[in-house]
């Protein structure tokens, strides 16, 4: 019984993490921790962007930089 409760608690915590990540992605907030983990695991020899640089890069990728919209907005 106790292990079943622990399993349910772990499942609920995991679901909460996924929900939080999904909400951040829906409103356009990038996942810096995921980027850091990826860089450490697969590209340890490459420099890592600061949070500010990462955020700017993600915003530009999502919305385009200055002059990329080709119109008034």
PDB file of N, CA and C in Angstrom:
ATOM      1  N   UNK A   1       0.822  -1.189   0.000  1.00  0.00           N
ATOM      2  CA  UNK A   1       0.000   0.000   0.000  1.00  0.00           C
ATOM      3  C   UNK A   1       0.870   1.258   0.000  1.00  0.00           C
ATOM      4  N   UNK A   2       1.903   1.255   0.878  1.00  0.00           N
ATOM      5  CA  UNK A   2       2.766   2.429   0.996  1.00  0.00           C
ATOM      6  C   UNK A   2       3.519   2.690  -0.300  1.00  0.00           C
ATOM      7  N   UNK A   3       4.016   1.619  -0.937  1.00  0.00           N
ATOM      8  CA  UNK A   3       4.750   1.817  -2.196  1.00  0.00           C
ATOM      9  C   UNK A   3       3.820   2.311  -3.297  1.00  0.00           C
ATOM     10  N   UNK A   4       2.565   1.904  -3.260  1.00  0.00           N
ATOM     11  CA  UNK A   4       1.598   2.389  -4.238  1.00  0.00           C
ATOM     12  C   UNK A   4       1.385   3.886  -4.069  1.00  0.00           C
ATOM     13  N   UNK A   5       1.332   4.363  -2.833  1.00  0.00           N
ATOM     14  CA  UNK A   5       1.184   5.795  -2.573  1.00  0.00           C
ATOM     15  C   UNK A   5       2.419   6.560  -3.037  1.00  0.00           C
ATOM     16  N   UNK A   6       3.600   5.980  -2.803  1.00  0.00           N
ATOM     17  CA  UNK A   6       4.827   6.626  -3.270  1.00  0.00           C
ATOM     18  C   UNK A   6       4.853   6.716  -4.789  1.00  0.00           C
ATOM     19  N   UNK A   7       4.459   5.629  -5.445  1.00  0.00           N
ATOM     20  CA  UNK A   7       4.406   5.633  -6.910  1.00  0.00           C
ATOM     21  C   UNK A   7       3.424   6.683  -7.414  1.00  0.00           C
ATOM     22  N   UNK A   8       2.277   6.772  -6.773  1.00  0.00           N
ATOM     23  CA  UNK A   8       1.270   7.766  -7.176  1.00  0.00           C
ATOM     24  C   UNK A   8       1.811   9.178  -6.959  1.00  0.00           C
ATOM     25  N   UNK A   9       2.524   9.389  -5.874  1.00  0.00           N
ATOM     26  CA  UNK A   9       3.113  10.699  -5.609  1.00  0.00           C
ATOM     27  C   UNK A   9       4.156  11.064  -6.648  1.00  0.00           C
ATOM     28  N   UNK A  10       4.980  10.100  -7.020  1.00  0.00           N
ATOM     29  CA  UNK A  10       5.989  10.347  -8.063  1.00  0.00           C
ATOM     30  C   UNK A  10       5.329  10.637  -9.400  1.00  0.00           C
ATOM     31  N   UNK A  11       4.288   9.891  -9.728  1.00  0.00           N
ATOM     32  CA  UNK A  11       3.567  10.125 -10.983  1.00  0.00           C
ATOM     33  C   UNK A  11       2.936  11.512 -10.998  1.00  0.00           C
ATOM     34  N   UNK A  12       2.365  11.911  -9.874  1.00  0.00           N
ATOM     35  CA  UNK A  12       1.752  13.228  -9.775  1.00  0.00           C
ATOM     36  C   UNK A  12       2.796  14.332  -9.909  1.00  0.00           C
ATOM     37  N   UNK A  13       3.953  14.155  -9.280  1.00  0.00           N
ATOM     38  CA  UNK A  13       5.028  15.142  -9.383  1.00  0.00           C
ATOM     39  C   UNK A  13       5.524  15.247 -10.822  1.00  0.00           C
ATOM     40  N   UNK A  14       5.678  14.120 -11.495  1.00  0.00           N
ATOM     41  CA  UNK A  14       6.111  14.117 -12.893  1.00  0.00           C
ATOM     42  C   UNK A  14       5.072  14.814 -13.766  1.00  0.00           C
ATOM     43  N   UNK A  15       3.809  14.539 -13.529  1.00  0.00           N
ATOM     44  CA  UNK A  15       2.751  15.196 -14.300  1.00  0.00           C
ATOM     45  C   UNK A  15       2.787  16.704 -14.070  1.00  0.00           C
ATOM     46  N   UNK A  16       3.056  17.120 -12.838  1.00  0.00           N
ATOM     47  CA  UNK A  16       3.171  18.542 -12.537  1.00  0.00           C
ATOM     48  C   UNK A  16       4.329  19.183 -13.272  1.00  0.00           C
ATOM     49  N   UNK A  17       5.458  18.491 -13.356  1.00  0.00           N
ATOM     50  CA  UNK A  17       6.611  19.027 -14.097  1.00  0.00           C
ATOM     51  C   UNK A  17       6.278  19.178 -15.575  1.00  0.00           C
ATOM     52  N   UNK A  18       5.623  18.159 -16.147  1.00  0.00           N
ATOM     53  CA  UNK A  18       5.240  18.236 -17.559  1.00  0.00           C
ATOM     54  C   UNK A  18       4.241  19.369 -17.796  1.00  0.00           C
ATOM     55  N   UNK A  19       3.290  19.510 -16.889  1.00  0.00           N
ATOM     56  CA  UNK A  19       2.301  20.573 -17.025  1.00  0.00           C
ATOM     57  C   UNK A  19       2.983  21.942 -16.962  1.00  0.00           C
ATOM     58  N   UNK A  20       3.889  22.112 -16.006  1.00  0.00           N
ATOM     59  CA  UNK A  20       4.606  23.378 -15.887  1.00  0.00           C
ATOM     60  C   UNK A  20       5.421  23.683 -17.132  1.00  0.00           C
ATOM     61  N   UNK A  21       6.109  22.693 -17.646  1.00  0.00           N
ATOM     62  CA  UNK A  21       6.901  22.882 -18.859  1.00  0.00           C
ATOM     63  C   UNK A  21       5.990  23.241 -20.033  1.00  0.00           C
ATOM     64  N   UNK A  22       4.867  22.564 -20.149  1.00  0.00           N
ATOM     65  CA  UNK A  22       3.932  22.853 -21.238  1.00  0.00           C
ATOM     66  C   UNK A  22       3.398  24.271 -21.142  1.00  0.00           C
ATOM     67  N   UNK A  23       3.067  24.704 -19.927  1.00  0.00           N
ATOM     68  CA  UNK A  23       2.549  26.060 -19.742  1.00  0.00           C
ATOM     69  C   UNK A  23       3.609  27.102 -20.120  1.00  0.00           C
ATOM     70  N   UNK A  24       4.844  26.878 -19.708  1.00  0.00           N
ATOM     71  CA  UNK A  24       5.914  27.821 -20.056  1.00  0.00           C
ATOM     72  C   UNK A  24       6.111  27.890 -21.562  1.00  0.00           C
ATOM     73  N   UNK A  25       6.061  26.752 -22.228  1.00  0.00           N
ATOM     74  CA  UNK A  25       6.230  26.734 -23.678  1.00  0.00           C
ATOM     75  C   UNK A  25       5.056  27.404 -24.387  1.00  0.00           C
ATOM     76  N   UNK A  26       3.840  27.251 -23.852  1.00  0.00           N
ATOM     77  CA  UNK A  26       2.673  27.860 -24.485  1.00  0.00           C
ATOM     78  C   UNK A  26       2.730  29.382 -24.435  1.00  0.00           C
ATOM     79  N   UNK A  27       3.304  29.928 -23.376  1.00  0.00           N
ATOM     80  CA  UNK A  27       3.377  31.384 -23.284  1.00  0.00           C
ATOM     81  C   UNK A  27       4.705  31.910 -23.796  1.00  0.00           C
ATOM     82  N   UNK A  28       5.536  31.034 -24.310  1.00  0.00           N
ATOM     83  CA  UNK A  28       6.759  31.471 -24.970  1.00  0.00           C
ATOM     84  C   UNK A  28       7.965  31.586 -24.067  1.00  0.00           C
ATOM     85  N   UNK A  29       7.919  31.054 -22.855  1.00  0.00           N
ATOM     86  CA  UNK A  29       9.091  31.086 -21.993  1.00  0.00           C
ATOM     87  C   UNK A  29       9.983  29.898 -22.305  1.00  0.00           C
ATOM     88  N   UNK A  30      11.212  30.150 -22.690  1.00  0.00           N
ATOM     89  CA  UNK A  30      12.111  29.053 -23.049  1.00  0.00           C
ATOM     90  C   UNK A  30      12.549  28.255 -21.815  1.00  0.00           C
ATOM     91  N   UNK A  31      12.978  27.059 -22.035  1.00  0.00           N
ATOM     92  CA  UNK A  31      13.376  26.134 -20.979  1.00  0.00           C
ATOM     93  C   UNK A  31      14.894  26.121 -20.871  1.00  0.00           C
ATOM     94  N   UNK A  32      15.447  27.066 -20.123  1.00  0.00           N
ATOM     95  CA  UNK A  32      16.895  27.218 -20.007  1.00  0.00           C
ATOM     96  C   UNK A  32      17.541  26.002 -19.345  1.00  0.00           C
ATOM     97  N   UNK A  33      16.905  25.447 -18.324  1.00  0.00           N
ATOM     98  CA  UNK A  33      17.477  24.278 -17.642  1.00  0.00           C
ATOM     99  C   UNK A  33      17.646  23.101 -18.598  1.00  0.00           C
ATOM    100  N   UNK A  34      16.693  22.922 -19.493  1.00  0.00           N
ATOM    101  CA  UNK A  34      16.787  21.846 -20.485  1.00  0.00           C
ATOM    102  C   UNK A  34      17.956  22.101 -21.430  1.00  0.00           C
ATOM    103  N   UNK A  35      18.118  23.364 -21.836  1.00  0.00           N
ATOM    104  CA  UNK A  35      19.233  23.741 -22.699  1.00  0.00           C
ATOM    105  C   UNK A  35      20.566  23.456 -22.009  1.00  0.00           C
ATOM    106  N   UNK A  36      20.692  23.848 -20.748  1.00  0.00           N
ATOM    107  CA  UNK A  36      21.932  23.629 -20.003  1.00  0.00           C
ATOM    108  C   UNK A  36      22.238  22.136 -19.909  1.00  0.00           C
ATOM    109  N   UNK A  37      21.236  21.341 -19.556  1.00  0.00           N
ATOM    110  CA  UNK A  37      21.445  19.892 -19.448  1.00  0.00           C
ATOM    111  C   UNK A  37      21.867  19.300 -20.793  1.00  0.00           C
ATOM    112  N   UNK A  38      21.240  19.748 -21.869  1.00  0.00           N
ATOM    113  CA  UNK A  38      21.598  19.261 -23.204  1.00  0.00           C
ATOM    114  C   UNK A  38      23.038  19.629 -23.550  1.00  0.00           C
ATOM    115  N   UNK A  39      23.410  20.890 -23.292  1.00  0.00           N
ATOM    116  CA  UNK A  39      24.764  21.336 -23.623  1.00  0.00           C
ATOM    117  C   UNK A  39      25.809  20.566 -22.807  1.00  0.00           C
ATOM    118  N   UNK A  40      25.544  20.366 -21.531  1.00  0.00           N
ATOM    119  CA  UNK A  40      26.493  19.628 -20.688  1.00  0.00           C
ATOM    120  C   UNK A  40      26.634  18.181 -21.138  1.00  0.00           C
ATOM    121  N   UNK A  41      25.525  17.575 -21.562  1.00  0.00           N
ATOM    122  CA  UNK A  41      25.548  16.160 -21.939  1.00  0.00           C
ATOM    123  C   UNK A  41      26.121  15.926 -23.333  1.00  0.00           C
ATOM    124  N   UNK A  42      25.807  16.811 -24.283  1.00  0.00           N
ATOM    125  CA  UNK A  42      26.171  16.515 -25.667  1.00  0.00           C
ATOM    126  C   UNK A  42      27.213  17.445 -26.270  1.00  0.00           C
ATOM    127  N   UNK A  43      27.411  18.610 -25.682  1.00  0.00           N
ATOM    128  CA  UNK A  43      28.371  19.568 -26.228  1.00  0.00           C
ATOM    129  C   UNK A  43      29.216  20.202 -25.120  1.00  0.00           C
ATOM    130  N   UNK A  44      29.871  19.400 -24.298  1.00  0.00           N
ATOM    131  CA  UNK A  44      30.611  19.973 -23.160  1.00  0.00           C
ATOM    132  C   UNK A  44      31.780  20.866 -23.568  1.00  0.00           C
ATOM    133  N   UNK A  45      32.248  20.717 -24.793  1.00  0.00           N
ATOM    134  CA  UNK A  45      33.392  21.507 -25.263  1.00  0.00           C
ATOM    135  C   UNK A  45      32.982  22.869 -25.821  1.00  0.00           C
ATOM    136  N   UNK A  46      31.691  23.104 -25.992  1.00  0.00           N
ATOM    137  CA  UNK A  46      31.216  24.364 -26.559  1.00  0.00           C
ATOM    138  C   UNK A  46      30.787  25.334 -25.460  1.00  0.00           C
ATOM    139  N   UNK A  47      30.949  26.644 -25.704  1.00  0.00           N
ATOM    140  CA  UNK A  47      30.513  27.619 -24.696  1.00  0.00           C
ATOM    141  C   UNK A  47      28.989  27.617 -24.560  1.00  0.00           C
ATOM    142  N   UNK A  48      28.528  27.892 -23.348  1.00  0.00           N
ATOM    143  CA  UNK A  48      27.104  27.901 -23.063  1.00  0.00           C
ATOM    144  C   UNK A  48      26.613  29.346 -22.978  1.00  0.00           C
ATOM    145  N   UNK A  49      25.445  29.608 -23.561  1.00  0.00           N
ATOM    146  CA  UNK A  49      24.869  30.950 -23.500  1.00  0.00           C
ATOM    147  C   UNK A  49      24.410  31.261 -22.081  1.00  0.00           C
ATOM    148  N   UNK A  50      24.496  32.532 -21.719  1.00  0.00           N
ATOM    149  CA  UNK A  50      23.899  32.973 -20.461  1.00  0.00           C
ATOM    150  C   UNK A  50      22.380  32.893 -20.612  1.00  0.00           C
ATOM    151  N   UNK A  51      21.662  32.999 -19.487  1.00  0.00           N
ATOM    152  CA  UNK A  51      20.208  32.965 -19.557  1.00  0.00           C
ATOM    153  C   UNK A  51      19.692  34.089 -20.452  1.00  0.00           C
ATOM    154  N   UNK A  52      20.280  35.272 -20.299  1.00  0.00           N
ATOM    155  CA  UNK A  52      19.825  36.424 -21.079  1.00  0.00           C
ATOM    156  C   UNK A  52      20.035  36.196 -22.579  1.00  0.00           C
ATOM    157  N   UNK A  53      21.205  35.698 -22.957  1.00  0.00           N
ATOM    158  CA  UNK A  53      21.484  35.425 -24.368  1.00  0.00           C
ATOM    159  C   UNK A  53      20.563  34.330 -24.895  1.00  0.00           C
ATOM    160  N   UNK A  54      20.332  33.307 -24.092  1.00  0.00           N
ATOM    161  CA  UNK A  54      19.442  32.214 -24.478  1.00  0.00           C
ATOM    162  C   UNK A  54      18.022  32.739 -24.700  1.00  0.00           C
ATOM    163  N   UNK A  55      17.547  33.562 -23.777  1.00  0.00           N
ATOM    164  CA  UNK A  55      16.201  34.111 -23.872  1.00  0.00           C
ATOM    165  C   UNK A  55      16.058  34.954 -25.138  1.00  0.00           C
ATOM    166  N   UNK A  56      17.040  35.819 -25.407  1.00  0.00           N
ATOM    167  CA  UNK A  56      17.006  36.643 -26.622  1.00  0.00           C
ATOM    168  C   UNK A  56      16.994  35.779 -27.878  1.00  0.00           C
ATOM    169  N   UNK A  57      17.839  34.759 -27.906  1.00  0.00           N
ATOM    170  CA  UNK A  57      17.917  33.880 -29.075  1.00  0.00           C
ATOM    171  C   UNK A  57      16.583  33.173 -29.306  1.00  0.00           C
ATOM    172  N   UNK A  58      15.953  32.693 -28.244  1.00  0.00           N
ATOM    173  CA  UNK A  58      14.658  32.013 -28.367  1.00  0.00           C
ATOM    174  C   UNK A  58      13.568  32.974 -28.817  1.00  0.00           C
ATOM    175  N   UNK A  59      13.598  34.208 -28.307  1.00  0.00           N
ATOM    176  CA  UNK A  59      12.610  35.202 -28.717  1.00  0.00           C
ATOM    177  C   UNK A  59      12.774  35.531 -30.201  1.00  0.00           C
ATOM    178  N   UNK A  60      14.018  35.705 -30.638  1.00  0.00           N
ATOM    179  CA  UNK A  60      14.256  35.999 -32.051  1.00  0.00           C
ATOM    180  C   UNK A  60      13.844  34.824 -32.933  1.00  0.00           C
ATOM    181  N   UNK A  61      14.106  33.609 -32.476  1.00  0.00           N
ATOM    182  CA  UNK A  61      13.712  32.428 -33.248  1.00  0.00           C
ATOM    183  C   UNK A  61      12.193  32.330 -33.341  1.00  0.00           C
ATOM    184  N   UNK A  62      11.508  32.695 -32.278  1.00  0.00           N
ATOM    185  CA  UNK A  62      10.052  32.594 -32.262  1.00  0.00           C
ATOM    186  C   UNK A  62       9.382  33.724 -33.038  1.00  0.00           C
ATOM    187  N   UNK A  63       9.839  34.951 -32.808  1.00  0.00           N
ATOM    188  CA  UNK A  63       9.152  36.111 -33.375  1.00  0.00           C
ATOM    189  C   UNK A  63       9.903  36.783 -34.515  1.00  0.00           C
ATOM    190  N   UNK A  64      11.140  36.408 -34.746  1.00  0.00           N
ATOM    191  CA  UNK A  64      11.933  37.022 -35.799  1.00  0.00           C
ATOM    192  C   UNK A  64      12.588  38.293 -35.287  1.00  0.00           C
ATOM    193  N   UNK A  65      13.740  38.573 -35.850  1.00  0.00           N
ATOM    194  CA  UNK A  65      14.473  39.769 -35.442  1.00  0.00           C
ATOM    195  C   UNK A  65      13.935  41.003 -36.143  1.00  0.00           C
ATOM    196  N   UNK A  66      14.581  42.122 -35.912  1.00  0.00           N
ATOM    197  CA  UNK A  66      14.169  43.389 -36.517  1.00  0.00           C
ATOM    198  C   UNK A  66      14.243  43.282 -38.038  1.00  0.00           C
ATOM    199  N   UNK A  67      13.199  43.737 -38.691  1.00  0.00           N
ATOM    200  CA  UNK A  67      13.173  43.736 -40.143  1.00  0.00           C
ATOM    201  C   UNK A  67      12.786  42.412 -40.779  1.00  0.00           C
ATOM    202  N   UNK A  68      12.561  41.392 -40.021  1.00  0.00           N
ATOM    203  CA  UNK A  68      12.220  40.084 -40.605  1.00  0.00           C
ATOM    204  C   UNK A  68      10.740  39.941 -40.932  1.00  0.00           C
ATOM    205  N   UNK A  69       9.923  40.807 -40.393  1.00  0.00           N
ATOM    206  CA  UNK A  69       8.483  40.671 -40.634  1.00  0.00           C
ATOM    207  C   UNK A  69       8.083  41.293 -41.962  1.00  0.00           C
ATOM    208  N   UNK A  70       8.895  42.221 -42.459  1.00  0.00           N
ATOM    209  CA  UNK A  70       8.619  42.780 -43.754  1.00  0.00           C
ATOM    210  C   UNK A  70       7.352  43.622 -43.815  1.00  0.00           C
ATOM    211  N   UNK A  71       6.959  44.182 -42.721  1.00  0.00           N
ATOM    212  CA  UNK A  71       5.744  45.001 -42.735  1.00  0.00           C
ATOM    213  C   UNK A  71       5.802  46.044 -41.650  1.00  0.00           C
ATOM    214  N   UNK A  72       4.658  46.519 -41.271  1.00  0.00           N
ATOM    215  CA  UNK A  72       4.614  47.619 -40.307  1.00  0.00           C
ATOM    216  C   UNK A  72       4.823  47.134 -38.886  1.00  0.00           C
ATOM    217  N   UNK A  73       4.495  45.909 -38.586  1.00  0.00           N
ATOM    218  CA  UNK A  73       4.523  45.467 -37.187  1.00  0.00           C
ATOM    219  C   UNK A  73       5.761  44.695 -36.920  1.00  0.00           C
TER     220      UNK A  73
END
